[in-house]
Protein backbone atom coordinates (compact mmCIF):
# COMPACT_ATOMS: atom_id res chain seq x y z
CA MET A 1 -22.38 47.19 11.92
CA ASP A 2 -24.99 45.96 9.46
CA GLU A 3 -27.20 43.30 11.05
CA ALA A 4 -27.04 40.96 8.02
CA TYR A 5 -23.23 41.24 7.93
CA PHE A 6 -23.04 40.53 11.68
CA LYS A 7 -25.19 37.42 11.25
CA LYS A 8 -22.88 36.18 8.47
CA ILE A 9 -19.83 36.59 10.74
CA ILE A 10 -21.53 34.74 13.60
CA THR A 11 -22.62 31.97 11.21
CA ALA A 12 -19.08 31.66 9.84
CA ILE A 13 -17.61 31.47 13.37
CA ILE A 14 -20.11 28.80 14.42
CA LEU A 15 -19.42 26.84 11.22
CA VAL A 16 -15.65 26.94 11.80
CA LEU A 17 -16.08 25.85 15.43
CA LEU A 18 -18.32 22.96 14.39
CA ILE A 19 -15.82 21.88 11.71
CA VAL A 20 -12.96 21.96 14.23
CA LEU A 21 -14.97 20.05 16.85
CA SER A 22 -16.12 17.52 14.25
CA PHE A 23 -12.53 16.97 13.16
CA LEU A 24 -11.44 16.41 16.77
CA ILE A 25 -14.25 13.88 17.21
CA ILE A 26 -13.44 11.85 14.10
CA ARG A 27 -9.65 12.27 14.24
CA PRO A 28 -9.10 8.97 16.15
CA ILE A 29 -11.05 7.10 13.46
CA LEU A 30 -10.17 9.25 10.44
CA ILE A 31 -7.79 6.66 8.97
CA SER A 32 -10.50 3.99 9.40
CA ILE A 33 -13.01 6.16 7.54
CA ILE A 34 -10.51 6.75 4.73
CA MET A 35 -9.78 3.04 4.58
CA GLY A 36 -13.50 2.30 4.29
CA ILE A 37 -13.77 4.76 1.39
CA ILE A 38 -10.76 3.18 -0.33
CA LEU A 39 -12.26 -0.31 0.04
CA ALA A 40 -15.51 0.98 -1.44
CA PHE A 41 -13.52 2.32 -4.41
CA ILE A 42 -11.70 -1.00 -4.86
CA PHE A 43 -14.83 -3.15 -4.71
CA ALA A 44 -17.09 -0.73 -6.63
CA PRO A 45 -16.81 -2.62 -9.97
CA VAL A 46 -17.73 -5.91 -8.24
CA TYR A 47 -20.66 -4.20 -6.49
CA ASP A 48 -21.95 -2.72 -9.78
CA TRP A 49 -21.76 -6.12 -11.49
CA LEU A 50 -23.48 -7.89 -8.59
CA ASN A 51 -26.22 -5.29 -8.24
CA LYS A 52 -27.19 -5.73 -11.90
CA TYR A 53 -28.47 -9.19 -11.03
CA ILE A 54 -29.66 -8.76 -7.45
CA LYS A 55 -31.08 -5.23 -7.85
CA GLN A 56 -31.13 -4.74 -4.07
CA ARG A 57 -28.49 -2.27 -2.92
CA ASP A 58 -28.50 -3.40 0.71
CA VAL A 59 -28.17 -7.08 -0.20
CA SER A 60 -25.45 -6.39 -2.78
CA ALA A 61 -23.46 -4.25 -0.35
CA SER A 62 -23.83 -6.84 2.42
CA LEU A 63 -22.53 -9.62 0.15
CA ILE A 64 -19.55 -7.46 -0.83
CA ILE A 65 -18.82 -6.85 2.86
CA LEU A 66 -18.89 -10.60 3.56
CA VAL A 67 -16.56 -11.30 0.63
CA SER A 68 -14.12 -8.57 1.67
CA LEU A 69 -14.18 -9.80 5.28
CA SER A 70 -13.29 -13.30 4.13
CA ILE A 71 -10.47 -11.94 1.96
CA ILE A 72 -9.00 -9.52 4.50
CA ILE A 73 -9.81 -10.75 8.02
CA LEU A 74 -9.75 -14.56 7.84
CA PRO A 75 -6.27 -14.93 6.25
CA GLY A 76 -4.86 -12.44 8.76
CA TRP A 77 -6.37 -14.36 11.66
CA PHE A 78 -4.51 -17.52 10.65
CA LEU A 79 -1.36 -16.04 9.14
CA ILE A 80 -0.34 -13.45 11.77
CA PRO A 81 0.70 -16.10 14.37
CA ILE A 82 2.78 -17.87 11.69
CA LEU A 83 4.38 -14.57 10.66
CA MET A 84 5.27 -13.85 14.28
CA ARG A 85 6.93 -17.26 14.69
CA GLN A 86 8.89 -16.85 11.47
CA ALA A 87 9.94 -13.29 12.37
CA ILE A 88 11.23 -14.59 15.73
CA GLY A 89 13.06 -17.38 13.90
CA ILE A 90 14.78 -14.92 11.55
CA PHE A 91 15.59 -12.65 14.48
CA LYS A 92 17.41 -15.54 16.18
CA LEU A 93 19.00 -16.77 12.95
CA ALA A 94 20.45 -13.33 12.17
CA HIS A 95 22.75 -13.65 15.18
CA SER A 96 24.13 -17.02 14.08
CA ILE A 97 24.57 -16.56 10.32
CA ASP A 98 28.18 -16.30 9.14
CA PHE A 99 27.98 -13.57 6.48
CA VAL A 100 31.74 -13.11 6.09
CA THR A 101 33.21 -16.57 5.35
CA PRO A 102 31.35 -17.12 2.03
CA LEU A 103 32.13 -13.55 0.95
CA LYS A 104 35.82 -14.00 1.84
CA SER A 105 36.09 -16.85 -0.63
CA ILE A 106 34.57 -14.70 -3.40
CA PHE A 107 36.27 -11.37 -2.58
CA PRO A 108 39.51 -12.28 -0.74
CA ALA A 109 41.17 -8.92 -1.38
CA LEU A 110 38.21 -6.99 0.01
CA PHE A 111 38.21 -8.98 3.25
CA ALA A 112 41.96 -9.03 3.81
CA SER A 113 41.52 -6.79 6.85
CA GLU A 114 40.00 -8.58 9.85
CA GLU A 115 38.59 -5.30 11.17
CA LEU A 116 36.79 -4.62 7.89
CA ALA A 117 35.46 -8.19 7.80
CA ALA A 118 34.12 -7.85 11.36
CA GLU A 119 32.52 -4.51 10.50
CA ILE A 120 30.79 -5.94 7.43
CA ALA A 121 29.60 -8.96 9.40
CA TYR A 122 28.13 -6.65 12.03
CA MET A 123 26.47 -4.54 9.34
CA PHE A 124 24.76 -7.54 7.71
CA SER A 125 23.70 -8.97 11.05
CA SER A 126 22.37 -5.62 12.25
CA LEU A 127 20.44 -5.02 9.03
CA THR A 128 18.77 -8.43 9.12
CA THR A 129 18.00 -8.13 12.83
CA LYS A 130 16.44 -4.68 12.45
CA ALA A 131 14.26 -5.78 9.52
CA ALA A 132 12.99 -8.83 11.39
CA ASN A 133 12.55 -6.81 14.58
CA ALA A 134 10.51 -4.12 12.81
CA VAL A 135 8.09 -6.68 11.36
CA LEU A 136 7.89 -8.50 14.69
CA ASP A 137 7.11 -5.24 16.53
CA SER A 138 4.35 -4.43 14.04
CA LEU A 139 2.77 -7.87 14.45
CA THR A 140 3.08 -7.68 18.24
CA GLN A 141 1.33 -4.32 18.26
CA LEU A 142 -1.52 -5.88 16.29
CA VAL A 143 -2.04 -8.45 19.04
CA ILE A 144 -1.63 -5.98 21.94
CA ASN A 145 -4.02 -3.44 20.42
CA LEU A 146 -6.55 -6.03 19.26
CA PRO A 147 -9.61 -4.46 21.03
CA THR A 148 -8.84 -1.03 19.52
CA ILE A 149 -8.20 -2.59 16.12
CA LEU A 150 -11.56 -4.39 16.25
CA LEU A 151 -13.35 -1.09 16.93
CA GLN A 152 -11.44 0.53 14.07
CA LEU A 153 -12.44 -2.35 11.79
CA ILE A 154 -16.09 -1.84 12.70
CA VAL A 155 -15.77 1.79 11.57
CA VAL A 156 -13.96 0.67 8.40
CA PHE A 157 -16.67 -1.76 7.34
CA PHE A 158 -19.60 0.46 8.31
CA THR A 159 -18.06 3.23 6.19
CA PHE A 160 -17.38 0.70 3.46
CA PHE A 161 -21.01 -0.47 3.48
CA PHE A 162 -22.66 2.94 3.32
CA VAL A 163 -20.21 4.43 0.81
CA ILE A 164 -20.45 1.51 -1.63
CA ARG A 165 -24.24 1.36 -1.29
CA ASP A 166 -24.76 5.11 -1.77
CA LYS A 167 -21.62 5.89 -3.77
CA GLN A 168 -23.34 8.07 -6.36
CA ALA A 169 -24.98 10.18 -3.66
CA VAL A 170 -21.62 10.49 -1.89
CA VAL A 171 -19.90 11.61 -5.11
CA ASP A 172 -22.67 14.12 -5.90
CA TYR A 173 -22.49 15.56 -2.39
CA ALA A 174 -18.70 15.85 -2.55
CA LYS A 175 -18.94 17.61 -5.93
CA SER A 176 -21.52 20.03 -4.52
CA LEU A 177 -18.98 21.15 -1.88
CA LEU A 178 -16.26 21.98 -4.42
CA PRO A 179 -15.84 25.75 -4.87
CA PHE A 180 -14.97 25.42 -8.58
CA SER A 181 -16.66 26.05 -11.90
CA LYS A 182 -18.29 23.14 -13.69
CA ASP A 183 -15.38 22.90 -16.12
CA VAL A 184 -12.73 22.75 -13.36
CA GLU A 185 -14.94 20.41 -11.34
CA GLY A 186 -15.19 18.03 -14.30
CA LYS A 187 -11.42 18.01 -14.81
CA LEU A 188 -10.80 17.48 -11.11
CA VAL A 189 -13.19 14.52 -10.90
CA LYS A 190 -11.77 13.00 -14.09
CA TYR A 191 -8.14 13.17 -13.06
CA THR A 192 -8.63 12.23 -9.41
CA LYS A 193 -10.56 9.15 -10.51
CA GLY A 194 -7.86 8.26 -13.04
CA ILE A 195 -5.03 8.75 -10.55
CA THR A 196 -6.85 6.82 -7.80
CA THR A 197 -7.55 3.95 -10.20
CA SER A 198 -3.94 3.94 -11.37
CA LEU A 199 -2.59 3.87 -7.83
CA VAL A 200 -5.03 1.41 -6.25
CA TYR A 201 -5.15 -1.10 -9.11
CA GLY A 202 -1.97 -0.35 -11.04
CA GLN A 203 0.40 -0.09 -8.07
CA ILE A 204 -1.16 -1.62 -4.95
CA VAL A 205 -3.05 -4.57 -6.48
CA ILE A 206 -0.31 -5.42 -9.00
CA GLY A 207 2.32 -5.06 -6.26
CA ILE A 208 0.42 -7.57 -4.12
CA ILE A 209 0.19 -9.97 -7.08
CA GLN A 210 3.95 -9.62 -7.68
CA GLY A 211 4.69 -10.42 -4.05
CA ILE A 212 2.38 -13.45 -4.11
CA ILE A 213 4.03 -14.79 -7.28
CA LEU A 214 7.44 -14.62 -5.63
CA GLY A 215 5.91 -16.16 -2.50
CA ILE A 216 4.67 -19.14 -4.54
CA GLY A 217 8.25 -19.71 -5.67
CA LEU A 218 9.48 -19.51 -2.08
CA PHE A 219 7.00 -22.20 -1.01
CA ILE A 220 7.68 -24.43 -4.03
CA PHE A 221 11.43 -24.41 -3.37
CA GLN A 222 10.87 -24.71 0.38
CA VAL A 223 12.77 -21.60 1.37
CA PRO A 224 12.78 -21.30 5.18
CA ASN A 225 10.37 -18.70 6.62
CA ALA A 226 8.68 -18.40 3.22
CA LEU A 227 5.58 -16.66 4.58
CA PHE A 228 7.65 -13.94 6.23
CA PHE A 229 9.58 -13.27 3.02
CA THR A 230 6.32 -13.30 1.01
CA PHE A 231 4.98 -10.57 3.29
CA LEU A 232 8.15 -8.52 2.68
CA ALA A 233 7.89 -9.22 -1.07
CA ILE A 234 4.35 -7.84 -1.15
CA LEU A 235 5.50 -4.63 0.54
CA ALA A 236 8.47 -4.37 -1.83
CA GLY A 237 6.24 -5.09 -4.85
CA ILE A 238 4.03 -2.14 -3.99
CA LEU A 239 7.01 0.23 -4.05
CA PRO A 240 7.73 1.63 -7.54
CA ILE A 241 11.16 1.20 -9.18
CA ILE A 242 12.39 -1.07 -6.34
CA GLY A 243 9.95 -4.00 -6.60
CA THR A 244 10.40 -7.58 -5.48
CA SER A 245 14.08 -7.61 -6.52
CA LEU A 246 14.75 -6.12 -3.10
CA ILE A 247 13.78 -9.52 -1.65
CA TYR A 248 14.63 -12.21 -4.19
CA VAL A 249 18.13 -10.99 -5.12
CA PRO A 250 19.53 -11.16 -1.53
CA LEU A 251 17.68 -14.45 -0.95
CA ALA A 252 19.13 -15.98 -4.12
CA ILE A 253 22.63 -14.82 -3.18
CA TYR A 254 22.24 -16.38 0.28
CA LEU A 255 21.01 -19.66 -1.23
CA PHE A 256 23.93 -19.76 -3.66
CA LEU A 257 26.41 -19.12 -0.85
CA SER A 258 24.82 -21.83 1.30
CA GLY A 259 25.06 -24.37 -1.53
CA SER A 260 21.32 -24.49 -2.41
CA THR A 261 21.86 -23.93 -6.15
CA ILE A 262 18.57 -25.27 -7.52
CA PRO A 263 16.35 -23.29 -5.07
CA ALA A 264 18.45 -20.20 -5.83
CA TRP A 265 17.85 -20.48 -9.58
CA GLY A 266 14.19 -21.22 -8.92
CA ILE A 267 13.82 -18.08 -6.79
CA ILE A 268 15.54 -16.03 -9.51
CA ALA A 269 13.11 -17.40 -12.13
CA PHE A 270 10.04 -16.61 -10.02
CA GLY A 271 11.57 -13.24 -9.11
CA ILE A 272 12.01 -12.29 -12.77
CA VAL A 273 8.41 -13.31 -13.48
CA SER A 274 7.15 -11.28 -10.52
CA SER A 275 9.19 -8.24 -11.59
CA THR A 276 8.00 -8.31 -15.21
CA ILE A 277 4.38 -9.41 -14.78
CA ASP A 278 3.24 -5.80 -14.39
CA ASN A 279 4.14 -5.20 -18.06
CA PHE A 280 1.29 -7.56 -18.95
CA LEU A 281 -1.13 -6.84 -16.11
CA ARG A 282 -0.99 -3.05 -16.03
CA PRO A 283 -2.46 -2.48 -19.53
CA LEU A 284 -5.29 -4.88 -18.62
CA ILE A 285 -6.09 -3.20 -15.30
CA VAL A 286 -5.46 0.51 -15.89
CA SER A 287 -4.87 2.79 -18.82
CA LYS A 288 -1.23 3.72 -19.44
CA LYS A 289 -2.36 7.34 -19.78
CA THR A 290 -2.98 7.50 -16.05
CA LYS A 291 0.40 6.15 -14.97
CA ILE A 292 1.73 8.21 -12.06
CA ASN A 293 5.20 9.69 -12.36
CA SER A 294 7.51 7.14 -10.68
CA ALA A 295 9.61 9.74 -8.82
CA ILE A 296 6.53 11.37 -7.27
CA LEU A 297 5.05 7.97 -6.49
CA LEU A 298 8.15 6.66 -4.71
CA ALA A 299 8.79 9.85 -2.72
CA SER A 300 5.14 10.14 -1.60
CA MET A 301 4.99 6.45 -0.64
CA VAL A 302 8.10 6.71 1.52
CA GLY A 303 6.86 9.94 3.12
CA GLY A 304 3.41 8.43 3.63
CA TRP A 305 4.98 5.38 5.29
CA PHE A 306 6.79 7.57 7.84
CA PHE A 307 3.68 9.65 8.58
CA PHE A 308 0.78 7.15 8.39
CA GLY A 309 2.51 3.78 8.67
CA VAL A 310 1.71 1.00 6.16
CA LEU A 311 -1.49 2.75 5.04
CA GLY A 312 0.70 5.70 4.01
CA LEU A 313 1.84 3.66 1.00
CA LEU A 314 -1.60 4.47 -0.38
CA LEU A 315 -2.53 7.73 1.34
CA GLY A 316 0.79 9.49 0.67
CA PRO A 317 0.59 9.27 -3.14
CA LEU A 318 -3.13 10.09 -3.16
CA ILE A 319 -2.68 13.26 -1.08
CA ILE A 320 0.33 14.48 -3.10
CA SER A 321 -1.34 13.62 -6.42
CA TYR A 322 -4.57 15.43 -5.53
CA LEU A 323 -2.58 18.51 -4.50
CA LEU A 324 -0.61 18.50 -7.77
CA ILE A 325 -3.81 18.01 -9.78
CA LEU A 326 -5.33 21.08 -8.13
CA LEU A 327 -2.17 23.12 -8.79
CA GLU A 328 -2.07 22.07 -12.45
CA ILE A 329 -5.75 22.91 -12.94
CA TYR A 330 -5.17 26.23 -11.17
CA ARG A 331 -2.34 26.93 -13.65
CA GLY A 332 -4.80 26.37 -16.47
CA LYS A 333 -3.21 23.20 -17.83
CA THR A 334 -5.35 20.84 -19.87
CA LYS A 335 -3.95 17.91 -17.95
CA PRO A 336 -1.69 17.37 -14.92
CA GLU A 337 1.47 16.54 -16.91
CA ILE A 338 3.70 16.61 -13.83
CA ILE A 339 1.85 13.55 -12.49
CA ILE A 340 0.89 11.55 -15.55
CA GLU A 341 3.59 9.75 -17.54
CA GLU A 342 2.65 9.37 -21.18
CA PRO A 343 3.48 6.01 -22.73
CA PRO A 344 6.23 6.04 -25.37
CA LYS A 345 4.90 6.51 -28.89
């Protein structure tokens, strides 16, 4: 065997072993690293604006970290105990709510059978209990795993700091690793940036705003356990197609049935605003040309949720979109049409 060829094989084997070992080392904190990179992407425009005036990368990045900590950590510190109390309250309430009697008065023929009425009552009670229980379990796990979560957060914010401070160097290094021609590399960078912007700002950020708008209505009309339902509304707002209607429609029906007519109409009004606000915000935040196909977005979010948990709502669509972008570029397409939905002309 040729000595140069033998050295190449040995080098390749060592490289593969090092890559595998490196992956095993960072696997426990991989999601934290990804989260730090995503935060750097979200706050990059703010960092660029701030650094124009300060002109000190370390200072600018440190200020951004402090701002993000105040936005992310402090509200969670105060709100998680309240969410837990409200989740426990809904869990208890689900066992005492009479779902059938109001529905019997509206649909007497449907509830003529006592067995059917009991089955429907059990279904509603079980659904409400499971939803409250799932949120309560998630919040409980946050408290139980607090030391581990704090370590993960340290990794998140260290990654966040160095990526946002040296983002151009990080991008240049990542581009240098791509095994593509300059033309393909340019297309890949262009479309991945567009898709990431569309998802992070156009779906996640707008979804959070939609949930908060509905939450404001819940607090104004003094709906019980408003914070808990606001949290659910934010999650529902992030999901495409479904949106906050998943929360405000059942709540409004319940309020109507319980005789709270004015709060019910108020919740419907705020719900309609929260559902339609994206028509005004989306063009301001992201270009319509980078709107992700809704079917792909919904399927990848649901799949990401099952695989990664809550963070999968973001990671699932990103992973699937990047794969489809690569496939479309490989097919020689000028743009990834299967992902991007063109606006109506």
